[in-house]
Structure formats: structure tokens, C-alpha cells
């Protein structure tokens, strides 16, 4: 299972929107969008978990593509604590 970082998301993007985008490349295990602790508003990035081979395909296909009017950044997430 790989964790994928997805950045520069539209603030209106929902977890369901992201799941639909990534499900074109395989089974999406989870989607987690990050919100500001104080305001509760979206911060414009999140994480998707997928099987390794499918994750690599999604990363190479979706990085620097237009999604909801923004050029999204998609790459393998760094392990926590780095």
C-alpha cells in the first residue's frame, strides 16, 4: 500500500471527488483531505492510499494535470516524521 500526496487542490474538492479521480487507476483504499484545525477549512492538499502498482500509475498519470481548474501535484508521500 502506497500513500500518495495530492497538492494544490481546489478548496471545494471533496474526498469523494478525489476518490473518483484516482479510482480510474485502481482501488482507492482511503482519501484524507487536510483541514485547518482552527477554521475547519480545507488546506488544499491531502493523501490517497492505493496498491503499489496502481499508485505509481496514478502518480505518473495525474501529476501536473488540471483538476477542478487547478494544476495538481501528485507524488509519493514522505513517511510520517520526516
PDB file of N, CA and C in Angstrom:
ATOM      1  N   UNK A   1       0.851  -1.181   0.000  1.00  0.00           N
ATOM      2  CA  UNK A   1       0.000   0.000   0.000  1.00  0.00           C
ATOM      3  C   UNK A   1       0.890   1.234   0.000  1.00  0.00           C
ATOM      4  N   UNK A   2       0.632   2.157  -0.936  1.00  0.00           N
ATOM      5  CA  UNK A   2       1.393   3.399  -1.021  1.00  0.00           C
ATOM      6  C   UNK A   2       0.518   4.576  -0.636  1.00  0.00           C
ATOM      7  N   UNK A   3       1.121   5.552   0.025  1.00  0.00           N
ATOM      8  CA  UNK A   3       0.451   6.797   0.343  1.00  0.00           C
ATOM      9  C   UNK A   3       0.888   7.831  -0.692  1.00  0.00           C
ATOM     10  N   UNK A   4      -0.089   8.498  -1.282  1.00  0.00           N
ATOM     11  CA  UNK A   4       0.158   9.478  -2.344  1.00  0.00           C
ATOM     12  C   UNK A   4      -0.210  10.862  -1.828  1.00  0.00           C
ATOM     13  N   UNK A   5       0.701  11.809  -1.998  1.00  0.00           N
ATOM     14  CA  UNK A   5       0.437  13.207  -1.656  1.00  0.00           C
ATOM     15  C   UNK A   5      -0.246  13.862  -2.856  1.00  0.00           C
ATOM     16  N   UNK A   6      -1.322  14.594  -2.611  1.00  0.00           N
ATOM     17  CA  UNK A   6      -2.024  15.330  -3.662  1.00  0.00           C
ATOM     18  C   UNK A   6      -2.109  16.784  -3.213  1.00  0.00           C
ATOM     19  N   UNK A   7      -1.459  17.681  -3.936  1.00  0.00           N
ATOM     20  CA  UNK A   7      -1.408  19.078  -3.545  1.00  0.00           C
ATOM     21  C   UNK A   7      -1.979  20.019  -4.586  1.00  0.00           C
ATOM     22  N   UNK A   8      -2.145  21.268  -4.186  1.00  0.00           N
ATOM     23  CA  UNK A   8      -2.708  22.349  -4.999  1.00  0.00           C
ATOM     24  C   UNK A   8      -4.151  22.038  -5.419  1.00  0.00           C
ATOM     25  N   UNK A   9      -4.886  21.396  -4.521  1.00  0.00           N
ATOM     26  CA  UNK A   9      -6.285  21.068  -4.793  1.00  0.00           C
ATOM     27  C   UNK A   9      -7.168  22.302  -4.656  1.00  0.00           C
ATOM     28  N   UNK A  10      -8.250  22.324  -5.409  1.00  0.00           N
ATOM     29  CA  UNK A  10      -9.269  23.362  -5.236  1.00  0.00           C
ATOM     30  C   UNK A  10      -9.853  23.193  -3.835  1.00  0.00           C
ATOM     31  N   UNK A  11     -10.115  24.300  -3.153  1.00  0.00           N
ATOM     32  CA  UNK A  11     -10.635  24.220  -1.792  1.00  0.00           C
ATOM     33  C   UNK A  11     -12.015  23.582  -1.748  1.00  0.00           C
ATOM     34  N   UNK A  12     -12.714  23.579  -2.885  1.00  0.00           N
ATOM     35  CA  UNK A  12     -14.052  22.985  -2.942  1.00  0.00           C
ATOM     36  C   UNK A  12     -14.019  21.480  -3.208  1.00  0.00           C
ATOM     37  N   UNK A  13     -12.843  20.912  -3.473  1.00  0.00           N
ATOM     38  CA  UNK A  13     -12.739  19.477  -3.762  1.00  0.00           C
ATOM     39  C   UNK A  13     -13.112  18.664  -2.524  1.00  0.00           C
ATOM     40  N   UNK A  14     -13.920  17.623  -2.731  1.00  0.00           N
ATOM     41  CA  UNK A  14     -14.317  16.747  -1.624  1.00  0.00           C
ATOM     42  C   UNK A  14     -13.533  15.437  -1.695  1.00  0.00           C
ATOM     43  N   UNK A  15     -13.576  14.682  -0.604  1.00  0.00           N
ATOM     44  CA  UNK A  15     -12.922  13.373  -0.607  1.00  0.00           C
ATOM     45  C   UNK A  15     -13.512  12.491  -1.702  1.00  0.00           C
ATOM     46  N   UNK A  16     -14.815  12.611  -1.936  1.00  0.00           N
ATOM     47  CA  UNK A  16     -15.460  11.822  -2.997  1.00  0.00           C
ATOM     48  C   UNK A  16     -14.938  12.225  -4.377  1.00  0.00           C
ATOM     49  N   UNK A  17     -14.710  13.518  -4.621  1.00  0.00           N
ATOM     50  CA  UNK A  17     -14.144  13.979  -5.894  1.00  0.00           C
ATOM     51  C   UNK A  17     -12.781  13.348  -6.138  1.00  0.00           C
ATOM     52  N   UNK A  18     -11.946  13.339  -5.100  1.00  0.00           N
ATOM     53  CA  UNK A  18     -10.596  12.787  -5.219  1.00  0.00           C
ATOM     54  C   UNK A  18     -10.667  11.278  -5.443  1.00  0.00           C
ATOM     55  N   UNK A  19     -11.550  10.610  -4.712  1.00  0.00           N
ATOM     56  CA  UNK A  19     -11.699   9.158  -4.873  1.00  0.00           C
ATOM     57  C   UNK A  19     -12.092   8.815  -6.303  1.00  0.00           C
ATOM     58  N   UNK A  20     -13.024   9.562  -6.877  1.00  0.00           N
ATOM     59  CA  UNK A  20     -13.441   9.310  -8.261  1.00  0.00           C
ATOM     60  C   UNK A  20     -12.289   9.513  -9.228  1.00  0.00           C
ATOM     61  N   UNK A  21     -11.492  10.560  -9.017  1.00  0.00           N
ATOM     62  CA  UNK A  21     -10.350  10.839  -9.886  1.00  0.00           C
ATOM     63  C   UNK A  21      -9.348   9.679  -9.860  1.00  0.00           C
ATOM     64  N   UNK A  22      -8.994   9.221  -8.660  1.00  0.00           N
ATOM     65  CA  UNK A  22      -7.969   8.185  -8.525  1.00  0.00           C
ATOM     66  C   UNK A  22      -8.498   6.785  -8.839  1.00  0.00           C
ATOM     67  N   UNK A  23      -9.795   6.561  -8.721  1.00  0.00           N
ATOM     68  CA  UNK A  23     -10.341   5.216  -8.954  1.00  0.00           C
ATOM     69  C   UNK A  23     -10.232   4.793 -10.415  1.00  0.00           C
ATOM     70  N   UNK A  24      -9.942   5.729 -11.306  1.00  0.00           N
ATOM     71  CA  UNK A  24      -9.691   5.385 -12.714  1.00  0.00           C
ATOM     72  C   UNK A  24      -8.444   4.507 -12.847  1.00  0.00           C
ATOM     73  N   UNK A  25      -7.578   4.560 -11.844  1.00  0.00           N
ATOM     74  CA  UNK A  25      -6.299   3.841 -11.895  1.00  0.00           C
ATOM     75  C   UNK A  25      -6.267   2.619 -10.995  1.00  0.00           C
ATOM     76  N   UNK A  26      -7.343   2.370 -10.264  1.00  0.00           N
ATOM     77  CA  UNK A  26      -7.388   1.189  -9.400  1.00  0.00           C
ATOM     78  C   UNK A  26      -8.195   1.454  -8.142  1.00  0.00           C
ATOM     79  N   UNK A  27      -8.136   0.491  -7.238  1.00  0.00           N
ATOM     80  CA  UNK A  27      -8.899   0.562  -5.997  1.00  0.00           C
ATOM     81  C   UNK A  27      -8.279   1.580  -5.039  1.00  0.00           C
ATOM     82  N   UNK A  28      -9.098   2.509  -4.585  1.00  0.00           N
ATOM     83  CA  UNK A  28      -8.656   3.529  -3.628  1.00  0.00           C
ATOM     84  C   UNK A  28      -8.997   3.041  -2.223  1.00  0.00           C
ATOM     85  N   UNK A  29      -7.976   2.820  -1.405  1.00  0.00           N
ATOM     86  CA  UNK A  29      -8.198   2.320  -0.044  1.00  0.00           C
ATOM     87  C   UNK A  29      -8.714   3.427   0.869  1.00  0.00           C
ATOM     88  N   UNK A  30      -8.169   4.656   0.735  1.00  0.00           N
ATOM     89  CA  UNK A  30      -8.635   5.764   1.568  1.00  0.00           C
ATOM     90  C   UNK A  30      -8.249   7.101   0.952  1.00  0.00           C
ATOM     91  N   UNK A  31      -9.004   8.118   1.321  1.00  0.00           N
ATOM     92  CA  UNK A  31      -8.721   9.505   0.940  1.00  0.00           C
ATOM     93  C   UNK A  31      -8.830  10.342   2.205  1.00  0.00           C
ATOM     94  N   UNK A  32      -7.836  11.187   2.450  1.00  0.00           N
ATOM     95  CA  UNK A  32      -7.866  12.057   3.627  1.00  0.00           C
ATOM     96  C   UNK A  32      -7.454  13.456   3.199  1.00  0.00           C
ATOM     97  N   UNK A  33      -8.413  14.383   3.206  1.00  0.00           N
ATOM     98  CA  UNK A  33      -8.099  15.781   2.926  1.00  0.00           C
ATOM     99  C   UNK A  33      -7.778  16.477   4.241  1.00  0.00           C
ATOM    100  N   UNK A  34      -6.816  17.372   4.210  1.00  0.00           N
ATOM    101  CA  UNK A  34      -6.346  18.043   5.420  1.00  0.00           C
ATOM    102  C   UNK A  34      -7.063  19.393   5.570  1.00  0.00           C
ATOM    103  N   UNK A  35      -7.626  19.609   6.763  1.00  0.00           N
ATOM    104  CA  UNK A  35      -8.316  20.853   7.081  1.00  0.00           C
ATOM    105  C   UNK A  35      -7.547  21.622   8.148  1.00  0.00           C
ATOM    106  N   UNK A  36      -7.700  22.936   8.127  1.00  0.00           N
ATOM    107  CA  UNK A  36      -7.105  23.794   9.142  1.00  0.00           C
ATOM    108  C   UNK A  36      -7.776  23.511  10.486  1.00  0.00           C
ATOM    109  N   UNK A  37      -6.996  23.309  11.526  1.00  0.00           N
ATOM    110  CA  UNK A  37      -7.548  22.979  12.850  1.00  0.00           C
ATOM    111  C   UNK A  37      -8.438  24.087  13.406  1.00  0.00           C
ATOM    112  N   UNK A  38      -8.052  25.334  13.161  1.00  0.00           N
ATOM    113  CA  UNK A  38      -8.776  26.439  13.765  1.00  0.00           C
ATOM    114  C   UNK A  38     -10.024  26.832  12.993  1.00  0.00           C
ATOM    115  N   UNK A  39      -9.936  26.856  11.660  1.00  0.00           N
ATOM    116  CA  UNK A  39     -11.080  27.323  10.866  1.00  0.00           C
ATOM    117  C   UNK A  39     -11.917  26.172  10.324  1.00  0.00           C
ATOM    118  N   UNK A  40     -11.319  24.976  10.225  1.00  0.00           N
ATOM    119  CA  UNK A  40     -12.030  23.835   9.652  1.00  0.00           C
ATOM    120  C   UNK A  40     -12.071  23.865   8.134  1.00  0.00           C
ATOM    121  N   UNK A  41     -11.467  24.879   7.525  1.00  0.00           N
ATOM    122  CA  UNK A  41     -11.458  24.983   6.063  1.00  0.00           C
ATOM    123  C   UNK A  41     -10.348  24.127   5.470  1.00  0.00           C
ATOM    124  N   UNK A  42     -10.583  23.689   4.235  1.00  0.00           N
ATOM    125  CA  UNK A  42      -9.608  22.856   3.531  1.00  0.00           C
ATOM    126  C   UNK A  42      -8.296  23.614   3.342  1.00  0.00           C
ATOM    127  N   UNK A  43      -7.185  22.877   3.438  1.00  0.00           N
ATOM    128  CA  UNK A  43      -5.867  23.482   3.240  1.00  0.00           C
ATOM    129  C   UNK A  43      -5.371  23.308   1.806  1.00  0.00           C
ATOM    130  N   UNK A  44      -6.093  22.540   0.991  1.00  0.00           N
ATOM    131  CA  UNK A  44      -5.709  22.404  -0.413  1.00  0.00           C
ATOM    132  C   UNK A  44      -4.789  21.235  -0.700  1.00  0.00           C
ATOM    133  N   UNK A  45      -4.680  20.301   0.243  1.00  0.00           N
ATOM    134  CA  UNK A  45      -3.895  19.096  -0.028  1.00  0.00           C
ATOM    135  C   UNK A  45      -4.461  17.930   0.766  1.00  0.00           C
ATOM    136  N   UNK A  46      -4.008  16.736   0.393  1.00  0.00           N
ATOM    137  CA  UNK A  46      -4.473  15.546   1.090  1.00  0.00           C
ATOM    138  C   UNK A  46      -3.655  14.330   0.678  1.00  0.00           C
ATOM    139  N   UNK A  47      -4.148  13.171   1.094  1.00  0.00           N
ATOM    140  CA  UNK A  47      -3.443  11.925   0.852  1.00  0.00           C
ATOM    141  C   UNK A  47      -4.411  10.848   0.373  1.00  0.00           C
ATOM    142  N   UNK A  48      -3.931  10.013  -0.546  1.00  0.00           N
ATOM    143  CA  UNK A  48      -4.704   8.894  -1.082  1.00  0.00           C
ATOM    144  C   UNK A  48      -3.874   7.641  -0.869  1.00  0.00           C
ATOM    145  N   UNK A  49      -4.501   6.556  -0.445  1.00  0.00           N
ATOM    146  CA  UNK A  49      -3.805   5.271  -0.323  1.00  0.00           C
ATOM    147  C   UNK A  49      -4.316   4.321  -1.385  1.00  0.00           C
ATOM    148  N   UNK A  50      -3.364   3.696  -2.098  1.00  0.00           N
ATOM    149  CA  UNK A  50      -3.680   2.731  -3.152  1.00  0.00           C
ATOM    150  C   UNK A  50      -2.631   1.628  -3.137  1.00  0.00           C
ATOM    151  N   UNK A  51      -2.935   0.510  -3.826  1.00  0.00           N
ATOM    152  CA  UNK A  51      -1.945  -0.547  -4.009  1.00  0.00           C
ATOM    153  C   UNK A  51      -0.754   0.010  -4.776  1.00  0.00           C
ATOM    154  N   UNK A  52       0.431  -0.561  -4.537  1.00  0.00           N
ATOM    155  CA  UNK A  52       1.677  -0.005  -5.070  1.00  0.00           C
ATOM    156  C   UNK A  52       1.672   0.248  -6.572  1.00  0.00           C
ATOM    157  N   UNK A  53       1.389  -0.777  -7.383  1.00  0.00           N
ATOM    158  CA  UNK A  53       1.463  -0.629  -8.844  1.00  0.00           C
ATOM    159  C   UNK A  53       0.438   0.380  -9.339  1.00  0.00           C
ATOM    160  N   UNK A  54      -0.757   0.348  -8.774  1.00  0.00           N
ATOM    161  CA  UNK A  54      -1.806   1.282  -9.175  1.00  0.00           C
ATOM    162  C   UNK A  54      -1.443   2.700  -8.752  1.00  0.00           C
ATOM    163  N   UNK A  55      -0.827   2.835  -7.596  1.00  0.00           N
ATOM    164  CA  UNK A  55      -0.416   4.152  -7.107  1.00  0.00           C
ATOM    165  C   UNK A  55       0.618   4.777  -8.041  1.00  0.00           C
ATOM    166  N   UNK A  56       1.582   3.996  -8.486  1.00  0.00           N
ATOM    167  CA  UNK A  56       2.615   4.514  -9.388  1.00  0.00           C
ATOM    168  C   UNK A  56       1.998   4.966 -10.705  1.00  0.00           C
ATOM    169  N   UNK A  57       1.027   4.211 -11.209  1.00  0.00           N
ATOM    170  CA  UNK A  57       0.328   4.579 -12.443  1.00  0.00           C
ATOM    171  C   UNK A  57      -0.435   5.892 -12.248  1.00  0.00           C
ATOM    172  N   UNK A  58      -1.133   6.018 -11.116  1.00  0.00           N
ATOM    173  CA  UNK A  58      -1.898   7.239 -10.834  1.00  0.00           C
ATOM    174  C   UNK A  58      -0.971   8.447 -10.708  1.00  0.00           C
ATOM    175  N   UNK A  59       0.156   8.277 -10.019  1.00  0.00           N
ATOM    176  CA  UNK A  59       1.117   9.373  -9.848  1.00  0.00           C
ATOM    177  C   UNK A  59       1.619   9.854 -11.198  1.00  0.00           C
ATOM    178  N   UNK A  60       2.062   8.922 -12.055  1.00  0.00           N
ATOM    179  CA  UNK A  60       2.622   9.328 -13.339  1.00  0.00           C
ATOM    180  C   UNK A  60       1.564   9.919 -14.263  1.00  0.00           C
ATOM    181  N   UNK A  61       0.320   9.488 -14.124  1.00  0.00           N
ATOM    182  CA  UNK A  61      -0.741   9.988 -14.998  1.00  0.00           C
ATOM    183  C   UNK A  61      -1.333  11.317 -14.538  1.00  0.00           C
ATOM    184  N   UNK A  62      -1.382  11.560 -13.234  1.00  0.00           N
ATOM    185  CA  UNK A  62      -2.109  12.715 -12.715  1.00  0.00           C
ATOM    186  C   UNK A  62      -1.245  13.907 -12.316  1.00  0.00           C
ATOM    187  N   UNK A  63       0.064  13.710 -12.122  1.00  0.00           N
ATOM    188  CA  UNK A  63       0.911  14.827 -11.709  1.00  0.00           C
ATOM    189  C   UNK A  63       0.894  15.925 -12.775  1.00  0.00           C
ATOM    190  N   UNK A  64       0.730  17.175 -12.333  1.00  0.00           N
ATOM    191  CA  UNK A  64       0.691  18.346 -13.225  1.00  0.00           C
ATOM    192  C   UNK A  64      -0.448  18.291 -14.233  1.00  0.00           C
ATOM    193  N   UNK A  65      -1.609  17.775 -13.812  1.00  0.00           N
ATOM    194  CA  UNK A  65      -2.794  17.799 -14.664  1.00  0.00           C
ATOM    195  C   UNK A  65      -3.827  18.731 -14.046  1.00  0.00           C
ATOM    196  N   UNK A  66      -4.773  19.173 -14.877  1.00  0.00           N
ATOM    197  CA  UNK A  66      -5.823  20.077 -14.415  1.00  0.00           C
ATOM    198  C   UNK A  66      -6.934  19.285 -13.742  1.00  0.00           C
ATOM    199  N   UNK A  67      -7.284  19.674 -12.519  1.00  0.00           N
ATOM    200  CA  UNK A  67      -8.406  19.078 -11.802  1.00  0.00           C
ATOM    201  C   UNK A  67      -9.170  20.206 -11.120  1.00  0.00           C
ATOM    202  N   UNK A  68     -10.406  20.395 -11.514  1.00  0.00           N
ATOM    203  CA  UNK A  68     -11.268  21.451 -10.970  1.00  0.00           C
ATOM    204  C   UNK A  68     -10.618  22.834 -11.117  1.00  0.00           C
ATOM    205  N   UNK A  69      -9.944  23.040 -12.247  1.00  0.00           N
ATOM    206  CA  UNK A  69      -9.365  24.344 -12.541  1.00  0.00           C
ATOM    207  C   UNK A  69      -8.005  24.620 -11.939  1.00  0.00           C
ATOM    208  N   UNK A  70      -7.382  23.628 -11.312  1.00  0.00           N
ATOM    209  CA  UNK A  70      -6.055  23.819 -10.708  1.00  0.00           C
ATOM    210  C   UNK A  70      -5.109  22.736 -11.213  1.00  0.00           C
ATOM    211  N   UNK A  71      -3.831  23.093 -11.367  1.00  0.00           N
ATOM    212  CA  UNK A  71      -2.816  22.118 -11.755  1.00  0.00           C
ATOM    213  C   UNK A  71      -2.370  21.388 -10.490  1.00  0.00           C
ATOM    214  N   UNK A  72      -2.788  20.136 -10.355  1.00  0.00           N
ATOM    215  CA  UNK A  72      -2.493  19.418  -9.113  1.00  0.00           C
ATOM    216  C   UNK A  72      -1.104  18.798  -9.132  1.00  0.00           C
ATOM    217  N   UNK A  73      -0.539  18.668  -7.946  1.00  0.00           N
ATOM    218  CA  UNK A  73       0.753  17.989  -7.742  1.00  0.00           C
ATOM    219  C   UNK A  73       0.454  16.630  -7.132  1.00  0.00           C
ATOM    220  N   UNK A  74       0.998  15.595  -7.729  1.00  0.00           N
ATOM    221  CA  UNK A  74       0.761  14.239  -7.245  1.00  0.00           C
ATOM    222  C   UNK A  74       2.101  13.519  -7.180  1.00  0.00           C
ATOM    223  N   UNK A  75       2.483  13.074  -5.965  1.00  0.00           N
ATOM    224  CA  UNK A  75       3.711  12.293  -5.836  1.00  0.00           C
ATOM    225  C   UNK A  75       3.616  11.388  -4.611  1.00  0.00           C
ATOM    226  N   UNK A  76       4.602  10.515  -4.496  1.00  0.00           N
ATOM    227  CA  UNK A  76       4.611   9.594  -3.362  1.00  0.00           C
ATOM    228  C   UNK A  76       4.826  10.395  -2.076  1.00  0.00           C
ATOM    229  N   UNK A  77       3.994  10.114  -1.078  1.00  0.00           N
ATOM    230  CA  UNK A  77       4.098  10.840   0.184  1.00  0.00           C
ATOM    231  C   UNK A  77       5.339  10.408   0.959  1.00  0.00           C
ATOM    232  N   UNK A  78       5.944  11.366   1.648  1.00  0.00           N
ATOM    233  CA  UNK A  78       7.060  11.041   2.531  1.00  0.00           C
ATOM    234  C   UNK A  78       6.500  10.346   3.756  1.00  0.00           C
ATOM    235  N   UNK A  79       7.248   9.410   4.333  1.00  0.00           N
ATOM    236  CA  UNK A  79       6.780   8.771   5.577  1.00  0.00           C
ATOM    237  C   UNK A  79       6.588   9.794   6.683  1.00  0.00           C
ATOM    238  N   UNK A  80       5.653   9.536   7.578  1.00  0.00           N
ATOM    239  CA  UNK A  80       5.415  10.461   8.701  1.00  0.00           C
ATOM    240  C   UNK A  80       6.685  10.639   9.518  1.00  0.00           C
ATOM    241  N   UNK A  81       6.861  11.866  10.019  1.00  0.00           N
ATOM    242  CA  UNK A  81       8.001  12.124  10.877  1.00  0.00           C
ATOM    243  C   UNK A  81       9.232  12.610  10.153  1.00  0.00           C
ATOM    244  N   UNK A  82       9.142  12.851   8.853  1.00  0.00           N
ATOM    245  CA  UNK A  82      10.297  13.355   8.113  1.00  0.00           C
ATOM    246  C   UNK A  82      10.274  14.841   8.019  1.00  0.00           C
TER     247      UNK A  82
END
